[in-house]
Each structure stands twice: as structure tokens, then as C-alpha cells.
N, C-alpha and C. Protein backbone atom coordinates (compact mmCIF):
# COMPACT_ATOMS: atom_id res chain seq x y z
N MET A 1 18.95 -2.78 150.33
CA MET A 1 19.34 -1.60 150.06
C MET A 1 20.32 -1.64 148.58
N ASN A 2 20.06 -0.80 147.63
CA ASN A 2 20.72 -1.21 146.28
C ASN A 2 21.78 0.23 146.33
N PRO A 3 23.17 0.11 146.18
CA PRO A 3 23.65 1.79 146.05
C PRO A 3 23.56 2.60 144.86
N THR A 4 23.26 3.88 145.17
CA THR A 4 22.76 4.62 143.96
C THR A 4 24.12 5.22 143.09
N ILE A 5 25.08 4.42 143.45
CA ILE A 5 26.28 5.08 142.74
C ILE A 5 26.58 4.14 141.33
N HIS A 6 27.07 5.04 140.35
CA HIS A 6 27.53 4.37 139.05
C HIS A 6 28.65 4.42 139.11
N ILE A 7 29.80 3.44 139.86
CA ILE A 7 31.53 3.69 139.79
C ILE A 7 31.79 4.18 138.31
N GLY A 8 31.24 3.13 137.53
CA GLY A 8 32.02 3.33 136.08
C GLY A 8 31.83 4.82 135.38
N GLU A 9 30.66 5.26 135.93
CA GLU A 9 30.35 6.62 135.20
C GLU A 9 31.52 7.55 136.35
N GLU A 10 31.23 7.34 137.62
CA GLU A 10 31.97 8.25 137.78
C GLU A 10 33.51 8.35 137.57
N ILE A 11 34.11 7.13 137.42
CA ILE A 11 35.47 6.96 136.82
C ILE A 11 35.58 7.82 135.46
N ARG A 12 34.60 7.34 134.75
CA ARG A 12 34.70 8.30 133.24
C ARG A 12 34.88 9.48 133.38
N LYS A 13 33.59 10.46 134.33
CA LYS A 13 33.35 11.64 134.73
C LYS A 13 34.95 12.14 135.06
N HIS A 14 35.51 11.42 136.07
CA HIS A 14 37.00 11.99 136.52
C HIS A 14 38.08 12.12 135.25
N LEU A 15 37.95 10.72 134.41
CA LEU A 15 38.97 10.78 133.55
C LEU A 15 38.83 12.15 132.52
N ALA A 16 37.44 12.43 132.14
CA ALA A 16 37.03 13.42 131.27
C ALA A 16 37.55 14.89 132.15
N THR A 17 37.60 14.92 133.37
CA THR A 17 38.29 16.38 134.13
C THR A 17 39.28 16.37 134.06
N GLU A 18 40.21 15.48 134.31
CA GLU A 18 41.28 14.98 133.97
C GLU A 18 42.39 15.13 132.36
N LYS A 19 40.99 15.20 131.51
CA LYS A 19 41.65 15.41 130.12
C LYS A 19 42.21 13.74 129.53
N ARG A 20 42.00 12.96 130.31
CA ARG A 20 42.77 11.28 130.09
C ARG A 20 41.30 10.28 129.44
N SER A 21 42.01 9.77 128.91
CA SER A 21 41.03 8.64 128.01
C SER A 21 41.21 7.66 128.84
N VAL A 22 40.13 6.40 127.89
CA VAL A 22 39.73 4.96 128.71
C VAL A 22 40.96 4.64 127.93
N GLU A 23 41.68 4.68 127.05
CA GLU A 23 42.91 4.01 126.63
C GLU A 23 44.18 4.56 127.23
N TRP A 24 44.11 5.75 127.57
CA TRP A 24 45.44 5.66 128.38
C TRP A 24 45.17 5.27 129.62
N LEU A 25 44.12 4.98 130.53
CA LEU A 25 43.69 4.48 132.16
C LEU A 25 44.44 2.86 131.53
N ALA A 26 43.52 2.12 130.61
CA ALA A 26 43.90 1.02 130.17
C ALA A 26 45.32 0.79 130.00
N SER A 27 46.10 1.57 129.17
CA SER A 27 47.57 1.14 129.18
C SER A 27 48.45 1.75 130.46
N LYS A 28 47.67 1.87 131.48
CA LYS A 28 48.39 2.43 132.66
C LYS A 28 48.17 1.06 133.43
N LEU A 29 46.71 0.60 133.25
CA LEU A 29 46.74 -0.61 134.17
C LEU A 29 47.11 -2.07 133.44
N CYS A 30 47.47 -1.81 132.61
CA CYS A 30 48.18 -2.87 131.31
C CYS A 30 47.02 -3.97 131.16
N CYS A 31 45.93 -3.46 130.53
CA CYS A 31 44.61 -4.10 130.13
C CYS A 31 44.22 -3.94 128.82
N GLU A 32 43.05 -4.49 128.24
CA GLU A 32 42.86 -3.94 127.04
C GLU A 32 41.77 -3.02 127.02
N ALA A 33 41.73 -1.92 126.46
CA ALA A 33 40.96 -0.53 126.06
C ALA A 33 39.56 -0.92 126.04
N SER A 34 39.02 -2.20 125.27
CA SER A 34 37.74 -2.79 124.74
C SER A 34 37.03 -3.49 126.25
N SER A 35 38.15 -3.97 127.28
CA SER A 35 37.76 -4.79 128.59
C SER A 35 37.44 -3.89 129.53
N LEU A 36 38.11 -2.66 129.51
CA LEU A 36 38.04 -1.42 130.58
C LEU A 36 36.97 -0.64 130.24
N ARG A 37 36.66 -0.31 128.88
CA ARG A 37 35.48 0.21 128.58
C ARG A 37 34.04 -0.20 128.70
N LYS A 38 34.25 -1.57 128.56
CA LYS A 38 33.01 -2.45 128.84
C LYS A 38 32.73 -2.55 130.79
N SER A 39 33.78 -2.75 131.43
CA SER A 39 33.81 -2.47 132.90
C SER A 39 33.15 -1.40 133.18
N LEU A 40 33.69 -0.30 132.60
CA LEU A 40 33.25 1.13 133.24
C LEU A 40 31.71 1.53 132.89
N LYS A 41 31.26 0.65 131.99
CA LYS A 41 29.68 0.69 131.76
C LYS A 41 28.92 -0.16 132.85
N LYS A 42 29.51 -0.67 133.56
CA LYS A 42 28.91 -1.35 134.57
C LYS A 42 28.70 -0.31 135.94
N SER A 43 27.90 -0.81 136.78
CA SER A 43 27.58 0.23 137.96
C SER A 43 28.40 -0.35 139.09
N TYR A 44 28.90 -1.40 138.83
CA TYR A 44 30.12 -1.87 139.86
C TYR A 44 31.45 -2.54 139.09
N LEU A 45 32.26 -2.49 139.96
CA LEU A 45 33.73 -3.21 139.65
C LEU A 45 34.06 -3.91 140.56
N THR A 46 35.15 -4.72 140.55
CA THR A 46 35.55 -5.85 141.63
C THR A 46 36.54 -4.97 142.28
N THR A 47 36.60 -5.00 143.69
CA THR A 47 37.46 -4.51 144.70
C THR A 47 38.87 -4.04 143.89
N ASP A 48 39.58 -5.23 143.59
CA ASP A 48 40.81 -4.81 142.83
C ASP A 48 40.88 -4.00 141.74
N LEU A 49 40.04 -4.06 140.83
CA LEU A 49 40.19 -3.05 139.87
C LEU A 49 39.56 -1.77 140.22
N LEU A 50 38.89 -1.57 141.26
CA LEU A 50 38.62 -0.28 141.59
C LEU A 50 39.98 0.25 142.26
N TYR A 51 40.45 -0.41 143.24
CA TYR A 51 41.67 -0.17 143.73
C TYR A 51 42.66 0.10 142.61
N ARG A 52 43.04 -0.74 141.94
CA ARG A 52 44.36 -0.27 140.58
C ARG A 52 44.00 0.99 140.32
N ILE A 53 42.75 1.41 140.16
CA ILE A 53 41.87 2.76 139.21
C ILE A 53 42.56 3.69 140.08
N SER A 54 42.25 3.52 141.36
CA SER A 54 42.35 4.52 142.47
C SER A 54 43.56 5.20 142.52
N VAL A 55 44.46 4.19 142.82
CA VAL A 55 45.91 4.02 142.64
C VAL A 55 46.59 4.94 141.53
N THR A 56 45.93 4.38 140.20
CA THR A 56 46.65 5.41 139.26
C THR A 56 45.95 6.62 138.97
N LEU A 57 44.86 6.44 139.35
CA LEU A 57 44.45 8.09 139.29
C LEU A 57 44.38 9.32 140.49
N GLY A 58 45.11 8.40 141.31
CA GLY A 58 45.57 9.21 142.71
C GLY A 58 44.24 9.65 143.12
N LYS A 59 42.98 8.90 142.99
CA LYS A 59 41.70 9.39 143.63
C LYS A 59 40.85 8.18 144.38
N ASP A 60 40.34 8.28 145.43
CA ASP A 60 40.00 7.51 146.13
C ASP A 60 38.74 7.07 145.74
N PHE A 61 38.23 6.18 145.07
CA PHE A 61 36.95 6.03 144.39
C PHE A 61 35.77 5.08 145.28
N PHE A 62 36.80 4.37 146.72
CA PHE A 62 35.99 3.78 147.45
C PHE A 62 35.09 4.79 148.23
N ALA A 63 35.67 6.11 148.46
CA ALA A 63 35.46 6.97 149.09
C ALA A 63 33.61 7.43 148.73
N CYS A 64 33.53 6.94 147.63
CA CYS A 64 31.99 7.34 147.07
C CYS A 64 31.12 6.34 147.97
N TYR A 65 31.23 5.29 148.35
CA TYR A 65 30.61 4.20 148.88
C TYR A 65 30.62 4.57 150.39
N SER A 66 31.67 4.82 150.72
CA SER A 66 31.98 5.45 152.12
C SER A 66 30.56 6.43 152.60
N GLN A 67 31.03 7.55 151.82
CA GLN A 67 29.91 8.74 151.62
C GLN A 67 28.65 8.24 151.75
N LEU A 68 28.09 7.40 150.78
CA LEU A 68 26.83 7.06 150.75
C LEU A 68 26.49 6.35 151.82
N LEU A 69 27.44 5.89 152.42
CA LEU A 69 27.26 4.69 153.80
C LEU A 69 26.81 6.00 155.06
N ALA A 70 27.45 6.84 155.00
CA ALA A 70 27.43 7.77 156.04
C ALA A 70 26.27 8.69 155.99
N LYS A 71 25.76 8.59 154.61
CA LYS A 71 24.52 9.60 154.41
C LYS A 71 23.72 8.35 154.60
N ASN A 72 23.17 7.25 154.75
CA ASN A 72 22.23 6.59 154.88
C ASN A 72 22.38 6.07 156.30
N LYS A 73 22.90 6.53 157.11
CA LYS A 73 22.78 6.00 158.90
C LYS A 73 21.79 6.60 159.43
């Protein structure tokens, strides 16, 4: 079973809601904006990057997967 979550899109939506840019997030993560933009086009991220983004934005993006697991039990 493949997850139906596009985590990059979820992060971009959150950034838009907070009126923050990918460039802003990249600066907080100390990475290149172009690399982060490329990563957010993917439906998956490394756990390390997802954790760093979650901490930086103050939102648990892992919960998206936990909710999907609970829903599919």
C-alpha cells in the first residue's frame, strides 16, 4: 500500500498559510533554496529533513502519516 500523502505539498501549504517562503525556510535550515524547492516537489522526504522542517515550523508533519495509519487500520 502506498501512502496517499504528498508531504512536500503539505509543507508548501503550511508555508503559504504562515505567509512564509521556501527561501525563508531554506535559510532557517541552512540549505539552498533550490535544493529545498526540489525536495518539496517530491511526495516523500528523508526523516531527518522532515524532522528539521517540523521543528523549524513548529508543526508535526509526521502526524500526517500517523493519521493515515490510524485511518487504514
